[in-house]
PDB file of all heavy atoms in Angstrom:
ATOM      1  N   THR A   1     122.074 103.910  91.673  1.00  0.00           N
ATOM      2  CA  THR A   1     121.409 104.834  90.750  1.00  0.00           C
ATOM      3  C   THR A   1     119.899 104.777  90.955  1.00  0.00           C
ATOM      4  O   THR A   1     119.141 105.517  90.962  1.00  0.00           O
ATOM      5  CB  THR A   1     121.879 104.614  89.355  1.00  0.00           C
ATOM      6  OG1 THR A   1     123.305 104.786  89.287  1.00  0.00           O
ATOM      7  CG2 THR A   1     121.175 105.453  88.191  1.00  0.00           C
ATOM      8  N   VAL A   2     119.490 103.467  90.970  1.00  0.00           N
ATOM      9  CA  VAL A   2     118.068 103.066  91.037  1.00  0.00           C
ATOM     10  C   VAL A   2     117.496 103.593  92.338  1.00  0.00           C
ATOM     11  O   VAL A   2     116.446 104.245  92.383  1.00  0.00           O
ATOM     12  CB  VAL A   2     117.712 101.558  90.858  1.00  0.00           C
ATOM     13  CG1 VAL A   2     116.358 101.290  91.113  1.00  0.00           C
ATOM     14  CG2 VAL A   2     118.233 101.122  89.533  1.00  0.00           C
ATOM     15  N   ARG A   3     118.185 103.436  93.514  1.00  0.00           N
ATOM     16  CA  ARG A   3     117.693 103.959  94.802  1.00  0.00           C
ATOM     17  C   ARG A   3     117.513 105.493  94.756  1.00  0.00           C
ATOM     18  O   ARG A   3     116.661 106.018  95.324  1.00  0.00           O
ATOM     19  CB  ARG A   3     118.711 103.541  95.841  1.00  0.00           C
ATOM     20  CG  ARG A   3     118.478 102.117  96.345  1.00  0.00           C
ATOM     21  CD  ARG A   3     119.186 101.715  97.690  1.00  0.00           C
ATOM     22  NE  ARG A   3     120.644 102.062  97.571  1.00  0.00           N
ATOM     23  CZ  ARG A   3     121.535 101.223  97.186  1.00  0.00           C
ATOM     24  NH1 ARG A   3     121.342 100.043  96.733  1.00  0.00           N
ATOM     25  NH2 ARG A   3     122.915 101.624  97.173  1.00  0.00           N
ATOM     26  N   ALA A   4     118.478 106.199  94.102  1.00  0.00           N
ATOM     27  CA  ALA A   4     118.495 107.634  94.059  1.00  0.00           C
ATOM     28  C   ALA A   4     117.286 108.130  93.224  1.00  0.00           C
ATOM     29  O   ALA A   4     116.568 109.121  93.662  1.00  0.00           O
ATOM     30  CB  ALA A   4     119.788 108.233  93.517  1.00  0.00           C
ATOM     31  N   ALA A   5     116.869 107.291  92.169  1.00  0.00           N
ATOM     32  CA  ALA A   5     115.705 107.813  91.404  1.00  0.00           C
ATOM     33  C   ALA A   5     114.530 107.436  92.251  1.00  0.00           C
ATOM     34  O   ALA A   5     113.563 108.271  92.158  1.00  0.00           O
ATOM     35  CB  ALA A   5     115.731 106.961  90.094  1.00  0.00           C
ATOM     36  N   TYR A   6     114.443 106.297  92.875  1.00  0.00           N
ATOM     37  CA  TYR A   6     113.235 105.911  93.615  1.00  0.00           C
ATOM     38  C   TYR A   6     112.969 106.921  94.668  1.00  0.00           C
ATOM     39  O   TYR A   6     111.821 107.031  95.109  1.00  0.00           O
ATOM     40  CB  TYR A   6     113.540 104.396  94.086  1.00  0.00           C
ATOM     41  CG  TYR A   6     112.241 103.869  94.638  1.00  0.00           C
ATOM     42  CD1 TYR A   6     111.195 103.257  93.900  1.00  0.00           C
ATOM     43  CD2 TYR A   6     112.128 103.692  96.052  1.00  0.00           C
ATOM     44  CE1 TYR A   6     110.064 102.796  94.441  1.00  0.00           C
ATOM     45  CE2 TYR A   6     110.911 103.131  96.659  1.00  0.00           C
ATOM     46  CZ  TYR A   6     109.994 102.758  95.939  1.00  0.00           C
ATOM     47  OH  TYR A   6     108.850 102.236  96.501  1.00  0.00           O
ATOM     48  N   ALA A   7     113.933 107.440  95.301  1.00  0.00           N
ATOM     49  CA  ALA A   7     113.830 108.448  96.405  1.00  0.00           C
ATOM     50  C   ALA A   7     113.050 109.698  96.013  1.00  0.00           C
ATOM     51  O   ALA A   7     112.486 110.361  96.825  1.00  0.00           O
ATOM     52  CB  ALA A   7     115.176 108.823  96.875  1.00  0.00           C
ATOM     53  N   GLN A   8     112.806 109.819  94.743  1.00  0.00           N
ATOM     54  CA  GLN A   8     111.995 111.002  94.259  1.00  0.00           C
ATOM     55  C   GLN A   8     110.563 110.604  94.057  1.00  0.00           C
ATOM     56  O   GLN A   8     110.272 109.847  93.183  1.00  0.00           O
ATOM     57  CB  GLN A   8     112.496 111.565  92.958  1.00  0.00           C
ATOM     58  CG  GLN A   8     113.924 112.190  93.132  1.00  0.00           C
ATOM     59  CD  GLN A   8     113.768 113.455  93.892  1.00  0.00           C
ATOM     60  OE1 GLN A   8     112.869 114.305  93.783  1.00  0.00           O
ATOM     61  NE2 GLN A   8     114.898 113.778  94.627  1.00  0.00           N
ATOM     62  N   PRO A   9     109.605 111.117  95.001  1.00  0.00           N
ATOM     63  CA  PRO A   9     108.280 110.594  94.818  1.00  0.00           C
ATOM     64  C   PRO A   9     107.605 110.710  93.478  1.00  0.00           C
ATOM     65  O   PRO A   9     106.877 109.811  93.049  1.00  0.00           O
ATOM     66  CB  PRO A   9     107.481 111.458  95.930  1.00  0.00           C
ATOM     67  CG  PRO A   9     108.731 111.903  96.778  1.00  0.00           C
ATOM     68  CD  PRO A   9     109.854 111.961  96.012  1.00  0.00           C
ATOM     69  N   ARG A  10     107.895 111.870  92.684  1.00  0.00           N
ATOM     70  CA  ARG A  10     107.202 111.968  91.450  1.00  0.00           C
ATOM     71  C   ARG A  10     107.775 110.902  90.469  1.00  0.00           C
ATOM     72  O   ARG A  10     106.994 110.494  89.574  1.00  0.00           O
ATOM     73  CB  ARG A  10     107.262 113.441  90.830  1.00  0.00           C
ATOM     74  CG  ARG A  10     106.520 114.274  91.637  1.00  0.00           C
ATOM     75  CD  ARG A  10     106.187 115.622  90.952  1.00  0.00           C
ATOM     76  NE  ARG A  10     105.420 115.549  89.631  1.00  0.00           N
ATOM     77  CZ  ARG A  10     105.494 116.453  88.829  1.00  0.00           C
ATOM     78  NH1 ARG A  10     106.238 117.462  88.954  1.00  0.00           N
ATOM     79  NH2 ARG A  10     104.851 116.228  87.634  1.00  0.00           N
ATOM     80  N   LEU A  11     109.185 110.640  90.529  1.00  0.00           N
ATOM     81  CA  LEU A  11     109.642 109.640  89.557  1.00  0.00           C
ATOM     82  C   LEU A  11     109.095 108.207  90.001  1.00  0.00           C
ATOM     83  O   LEU A  11     108.944 107.347  89.222  1.00  0.00           O
ATOM     84  CB  LEU A  11     111.130 109.730  89.755  1.00  0.00           C
ATOM     85  CG  LEU A  11     111.747 111.046  89.250  1.00  0.00           C
ATOM     86  CD1 LEU A  11     113.252 110.989  89.415  1.00  0.00           C
ATOM     87  CD2 LEU A  11     111.318 111.481  87.964  1.00  0.00           C
ATOM     88  N   ARG A  12     108.925 108.068  91.177  1.00  0.00           N
ATOM     89  CA  ARG A  12     108.520 106.725  91.698  1.00  0.00           C
ATOM     90  C   ARG A  12     107.197 106.173  90.990  1.00  0.00           C
ATOM     91  O   ARG A  12     106.963 105.078  90.941  1.00  0.00           O
ATOM     92  CB  ARG A  12     108.320 106.653  93.253  1.00  0.00           C
ATOM     93  CG  ARG A  12     108.282 105.353  93.936  1.00  0.00           C
ATOM     94  CD  ARG A  12     108.138 105.526  95.318  1.00  0.00           C
ATOM     95  NE  ARG A  12     109.286 106.371  95.947  1.00  0.00           N
ATOM     96  CZ  ARG A  12     109.033 107.217  97.023  1.00  0.00           C
ATOM     97  NH1 ARG A  12     107.848 107.377  97.526  1.00  0.00           N
ATOM     98  NH2 ARG A  12     109.956 108.118  97.452  1.00  0.00           N
ATOM     99  N   GLY A  13     106.295 107.197  90.602  1.00  0.00           N
ATOM    100  CA  GLY A  13     105.018 106.805  90.124  1.00  0.00           C
ATOM    101  C   GLY A  13     105.260 106.577  88.554  1.00  0.00           C
ATOM    102  O   GLY A  13     104.216 106.102  87.873  1.00  0.00           O
ATOM    103  N   LEU A  14     106.365 106.911  87.924  1.00  0.00           N
ATOM    104  CA  LEU A  14     106.590 106.635  86.568  1.00  0.00           C
ATOM    105  C   LEU A  14     107.193 105.227  86.343  1.00  0.00           C
ATOM    106  O   LEU A  14     107.769 104.725  87.143  1.00  0.00           O
ATOM    107  CB  LEU A  14     107.502 107.800  85.961  1.00  0.00           C
ATOM    108  CG  LEU A  14     107.013 109.087  86.088  1.00  0.00           C
ATOM    109  CD1 LEU A  14     108.035 110.168  85.749  1.00  0.00           C
ATOM    110  CD2 LEU A  14     105.723 109.309  85.262  1.00  0.00           C
ATOM    111  N   PHE A  15     107.065 104.730  85.143  1.00  0.00           N
ATOM    112  CA  PHE A  15     107.665 103.427  84.725  1.00  0.00           C
ATOM    113  C   PHE A  15     109.135 103.664  84.478  1.00  0.00           C
ATOM    114  O   PHE A  15     109.509 104.404  83.640  1.00  0.00           O
ATOM    115  CB  PHE A  15     106.990 102.807  83.515  1.00  0.00           C
ATOM    116  CG  PHE A  15     107.307 101.400  83.487  1.00  0.00           C
ATOM    117  CD1 PHE A  15     106.604 100.418  84.080  1.00  0.00           C
ATOM    118  CD2 PHE A  15     108.181 101.045  82.462  1.00  0.00           C
ATOM    119  CE1 PHE A  15     106.878  99.146  83.936  1.00  0.00           C
ATOM    120  CE2 PHE A  15     108.439  99.615  82.236  1.00  0.00           C
ATOM    121  CZ  PHE A  15     107.828  98.676  82.967  1.00  0.00           C
ATOM    122  N   PRO A  16     110.033 102.992  85.193  1.00  0.00           N
ATOM    123  CA  PRO A  16     111.491 103.182  85.146  1.00  0.00           C
ATOM    124  C   PRO A  16     111.995 102.315  83.854  1.00  0.00           C
ATOM    125  O   PRO A  16     111.660 101.127  83.905  1.00  0.00           O
ATOM    126  CB  PRO A  16     112.187 102.769  86.433  1.00  0.00           C
ATOM    127  CG  PRO A  16     111.116 101.660  86.930  1.00  0.00           C
ATOM    128  CD  PRO A  16     109.816 102.115  86.353  1.00  0.00           C
ATOM    129  N   LEU A  17     112.874 102.911  83.094  1.00  0.00           N
ATOM    130  CA  LEU A  17     113.557 102.253  82.019  1.00  0.00           C
ATOM    131  C   LEU A  17     115.017 102.419  82.130  1.00  0.00           C
ATOM    132  O   LEU A  17     115.343 103.382  82.568  1.00  0.00           O
ATOM    133  CB  LEU A  17     113.057 102.723  80.716  1.00  0.00           C
ATOM    134  CG  LEU A  17     111.568 102.651  80.345  1.00  0.00           C
ATOM    135  CD1 LEU A  17     111.124 103.566  79.289  1.00  0.00           C
ATOM    136  CD2 LEU A  17     111.022 101.186  80.070  1.00  0.00           C
ATOM    137  N   VAL A  18     115.813 101.389  81.751  1.00  0.00           N
ATOM    138  CA  VAL A  18     117.353 101.496  81.896  1.00  0.00           C
ATOM    139  C   VAL A  18     117.936 100.928  80.567  1.00  0.00           C
ATOM    140  O   VAL A  18     117.446 100.234  79.815  1.00  0.00           O
ATOM    141  CB  VAL A  18     117.776 100.701  83.180  1.00  0.00           C
ATOM    142  CG1 VAL A  18     117.247 101.300  84.404  1.00  0.00           C
ATOM    143  CG2 VAL A  18     117.573  99.286  82.920  1.00  0.00           C
ATOM    144  N   GLY A  19     119.057 101.573  80.393  1.00  0.00           N
ATOM    145  CA  GLY A  19     119.780 101.145  79.201  1.00  0.00           C
ATOM    146  C   GLY A  19     121.307 101.663  79.292  1.00  0.00           C
ATOM    147  O   GLY A  19     121.472 102.844  79.424  1.00  0.00           O
ATOM    148  N   HIS A  20     122.215 100.735  79.373  1.00  0.00           N
ATOM    149  CA  HIS A  20     123.670 101.117  79.325  1.00  0.00           C
ATOM    150  C   HIS A  20     123.995 102.253  80.431  1.00  0.00           C
ATOM    151  O   HIS A  20     124.764 103.097  80.088  1.00  0.00           O
ATOM    152  CB  HIS A  20     123.999 101.643  77.977  1.00  0.00           C
ATOM    153  CG  HIS A  20     123.651 100.766  76.903  1.00  0.00           C
ATOM    154  ND1 HIS A  20     124.396  99.482  76.811  1.00  0.00           N
ATOM    155  CD2 HIS A  20     122.669 100.649  75.980  1.00  0.00           C
ATOM    156  CE1 HIS A  20     123.965  98.781  75.650  1.00  0.00           C
ATOM    157  NE2 HIS A  20     122.844  99.376  75.259  1.00  0.00           N
ATOM    158  N   GLY A  21     123.621 102.032  81.614  1.00  0.00           N
ATOM    159  CA  GLY A  21     123.797 102.827  82.704  1.00  0.00           C
ATOM    160  C   GLY A  21     123.043 104.132  82.875  1.00  0.00           C
ATOM    161  O   GLY A  21     123.311 104.914  83.727  1.00  0.00           O
ATOM    162  N   VAL A  22     122.027 104.189  81.960  1.00  0.00           N
ATOM    163  CA  VAL A  22     121.245 105.490  81.850  1.00  0.00           C
ATOM    164  C   VAL A  22     119.826 105.020  82.439  1.00  0.00           C
ATOM    165  O   VAL A  22     119.228 103.992  82.022  1.00  0.00           O
ATOM    166  CB  VAL A  22     121.042 105.913  80.613  1.00  0.00           C
ATOM    167  CG1 VAL A  22     120.181 107.292  80.357  1.00  0.00           C
ATOM    168  CG2 VAL A  22     122.459 106.391  80.093  1.00  0.00           C
ATOM    169  N   VAL A  23     119.188 105.846  83.364  1.00  0.00           N
ATOM    170  CA  VAL A  23     117.953 105.648  83.821  1.00  0.00           C
ATOM    171  C   VAL A  23     117.036 106.778  83.192  1.00  0.00           C
ATOM    172  O   VAL A  23     117.321 107.967  83.104  1.00  0.00           O
ATOM    173  CB  VAL A  23     117.779 105.952  85.335  1.00  0.00           C
ATOM    174  CG1 VAL A  23     116.358 105.849  85.827  1.00  0.00           C
ATOM    175  CG2 VAL A  23     118.631 104.799  86.076  1.00  0.00           C
ATOM    176  N   TYR A  24     115.818 106.295  82.657  1.00  0.00           N
ATOM    177  CA  TYR A  24     114.817 107.101  82.080  1.00  0.00           C
ATOM    178  C   TYR A  24     113.473 106.803  82.457  1.00  0.00           C
ATOM    179  O   TYR A  24     113.415 105.650  83.044  1.00  0.00           O
ATOM    180  CB  TYR A  24     115.046 107.567  80.605  1.00  0.00           C
ATOM    181  CG  TYR A  24     115.259 106.280  79.718  1.00  0.00           C
ATOM    182  CD1 TYR A  24     114.217 105.801  78.920  1.00  0.00           C
ATOM    183  CD2 TYR A  24     116.338 105.480  79.654  1.00  0.00           C
ATOM    184  CE1 TYR A  24     114.290 104.807  78.091  1.00  0.00           C
ATOM    185  CE2 TYR A  24     116.417 104.386  78.922  1.00  0.00           C
ATOM    186  CZ  TYR A  24     115.369 103.997  78.152  1.00  0.00           C
ATOM    187  OH  TYR A  24     115.477 102.869  77.339  1.00  0.00           O
ATOM    188  N   PHE A  25     112.560 107.568  82.076  1.00  0.00           N
ATOM    189  CA  PHE A  25     111.157 107.333  82.658  1.00  0.00           C
ATOM    190  C   PHE A  25     110.115 107.352  81.554  1.00  0.00           C
ATOM    191  O   PHE A  25     110.286 108.211  80.636  1.00  0.00           O
ATOM    192  CB  PHE A  25     110.922 108.284  83.740  1.00  0.00           C
ATOM    193  CG  PHE A  25     111.855 108.332  84.841  1.00  0.00           C
ATOM    194  CD1 PHE A  25     112.879 109.121  84.740  1.00  0.00           C
ATOM    195  CD2 PHE A  25     111.796 107.434  85.906  1.00  0.00           C
ATOM    196  CE1 PHE A  25     114.020 109.028  85.656  1.00  0.00           C
ATOM    197  CE2 PHE A  25     112.850 107.275  86.801  1.00  0.00           C
ATOM    198  CZ  PHE A  25     113.908 108.177  86.719  1.00  0.00           C
ATOM    199  N   SER A  26     109.011 106.599  81.660  1.00  0.00           N
ATOM    200  CA  SER A  26     107.991 106.608  80.831  1.00  0.00           C
ATOM    201  C   SER A  26     106.624 106.919  81.705  1.00  0.00           C
ATOM    202  O   SER A  26     106.392 106.569  82.727  1.00  0.00           O
ATOM    203  CB  SER A  26     107.873 105.204  80.112  1.00  0.00           C
ATOM    204  OG  SER A  26     106.678 105.259  79.323  1.00  0.00           O
ATOM    205  N   GLY A  27     105.670 107.650  80.942  1.00  0.00           N
ATOM    206  CA  GLY A  27     104.450 107.964  81.409  1.00  0.00           C
ATOM    207  C   GLY A  27     103.245 106.777  81.250  1.00  0.00           C
ATOM    208  O   GLY A  27     102.274 106.907  81.491  1.00  0.00           O
ATOM    209  N   CYS A  28     103.870 105.681  80.651  1.00  0.00           N
ATOM    210  CA  CYS A  28     103.079 104.483  80.471  1.00  0.00           C
ATOM    211  C   CYS A  28     103.802 103.194  80.721  1.00  0.00           C
ATOM    212  O   CYS A  28     105.030 103.320  80.755  1.00  0.00           O
ATOM    213  CB  CYS A  28     102.531 104.576  78.943  1.00  0.00           C
ATOM    214  SG  CYS A  28     103.727 104.608  77.708  1.00  0.00           S
ATOM    215  N   THR A  29     103.142 102.068  80.775  1.00  0.00           N
ATOM    216  CA  THR A  29     103.801 100.810  81.161  1.00  0.00           C
ATOM    217  C   THR A  29     104.189 100.029  79.992  1.00  0.00           C
ATOM    218  O   THR A  29     104.931  99.099  80.085  1.00  0.00           O
ATOM    219  CB  THR A  29     102.904 100.113  82.123  1.00  0.00           C
ATOM    220  OG1 THR A  29     101.669  99.726  81.342  1.00  0.00           O
ATOM    221  CG2 THR A  29     102.518 100.727  83.421  1.00  0.00           C
ATOM    222  N   GLY A  30     103.676 100.400  78.755  1.00  0.00           N
ATOM    223  CA  GLY A  30     103.873  99.613  77.640  1.00  0.00           C
ATOM    224  C   GLY A  30     104.717 100.278  76.698  1.00  0.00           C
ATOM    225  O   GLY A  30     105.373 101.408  76.916  1.00  0.00           O
ATOM    226  N   MET A  31     104.758  99.714  75.379  1.00  0.00           N
ATOM    227  CA  MET A  31     105.567 100.331  74.258  1.00  0.00           C
ATOM    228  C   MET A  31     104.565 100.718  73.203  1.00  0.00           C
ATOM    229  O   MET A  31     103.472 100.156  73.069  1.00  0.00           O
ATOM    230  CB  MET A  31     106.537  99.195  73.671  1.00  0.00           C
ATOM    231  CG  MET A  31     107.649  98.861  74.721  1.00  0.00           C
ATOM    232  SD  MET A  31     108.654 100.451  74.991  1.00  0.00           S
ATOM    233  CE  MET A  31     109.295  99.881  76.467  1.00  0.00           C
ATOM    234  N   PRO A  32     104.752 101.803  72.582  1.00  0.00           N
ATOM    235  CA  PRO A  32     105.994 102.595  72.650  1.00  0.00           C
ATOM    236  C   PRO A  32     106.030 103.396  73.942  1.00  0.00           C
ATOM    237  O   PRO A  32     104.916 103.801  74.463  1.00  0.00           O
ATOM    238  CB  PRO A  32     106.005 103.498  71.475  1.00  0.00           C
ATOM    239  CG  PRO A  32     104.540 103.578  71.118  1.00  0.00           C
ATOM    240  CD  PRO A  32     103.824 102.362  71.478  1.00  0.00           C
ATOM    241  N   ALA A  33     107.145 103.583  74.580  1.00  0.00           N
ATOM    242  CA  ALA A  33     107.311 104.358  75.803  1.00  0.00           C
ATOM    243  C   ALA A  33     106.918 105.854  75.524  1.00  0.00           C
ATOM    244  O   ALA A  33     107.009 106.371  74.466  1.00  0.00           O
ATOM    245  CB  ALA A  33     108.685 104.351  76.349  1.00  0.00           C
ATOM    246  N   ALA A  34     106.393 106.397  76.552  1.00  0.00           N
ATOM    247  CA  ALA A  34     106.148 107.966  76.438  1.00  0.00           C
ATOM    248  C   ALA A  34     107.171 108.475  77.393  1.00  0.00           C
ATOM    249  O   ALA A  34     106.947 108.746  78.593  1.00  0.00           O
ATOM    250  CB  ALA A  34     104.708 108.282  77.082  1.00  0.00           C
ATOM    251  N   HIS A  35     108.290 108.912  76.747  1.00  0.00           N
ATOM    252  CA  HIS A  35     109.447 109.449  77.503  1.00  0.00           C
ATOM    253  C   HIS A  35     109.050 110.772  78.273  1.00  0.00           C
ATOM    254  O   HIS A  35     108.705 111.804  77.519  1.00  0.00           O
ATOM    255  CB  HIS A  35     110.696 109.673  76.664  1.00  0.00           C
ATOM    256  CG  HIS A  35     111.212 108.468  76.067  1.00  0.00           C
ATOM    257  ND1 HIS A  35     112.160 107.545  76.766  1.00  0.00           N
ATOM    258  CD2 HIS A  35     110.798 107.664  74.916  1.00  0.00           C
ATOM    259  CE1 HIS A  35     112.419 106.615  76.043  1.00  0.00           C
ATOM    260  NE2 HIS A  35     111.704 106.623  74.963  1.00  0.00           N
ATOM    261  N   VAL A  36     109.195 110.886  79.606  1.00  0.00           N
ATOM    262  CA  VAL A  36     109.076 112.076  80.299  1.00  0.00           C
ATOM    263  C   VAL A  36     110.265 112.364  81.171  1.00  0.00           C
ATOM    264  O   VAL A  36     111.016 111.496  81.590  1.00  0.00           O
ATOM    265  CB  VAL A  36     107.773 112.009  81.129  1.00  0.00           C
ATOM    266  CG1 VAL A  36     106.454 111.859  80.219  1.00  0.00           C
ATOM    267  CG2 VAL A  36     107.733 110.793  82.168  1.00  0.00           C
ATOM    268  N   GLY A  37     110.414 113.663  81.632  1.00  0.00           N
ATOM    269  CA  GLY A  37     111.353 114.002  82.542  1.00  0.00           C
ATOM    270  C   GLY A  37     112.687 114.119  81.886  1.00  0.00           C
ATOM    271  O   GLY A  37     112.835 114.883  80.832  1.00  0.00           O
TER     272      GLY A  37
END
């Protein structure tokens, strides 16, 4: 799942977050997260 996400260049620049088998993305590196996509 992580490899498939990383294969997308625009997603690769975002901060990846995971939880319970779900991948999501943040536009920032800290908290609170800025959920995007």
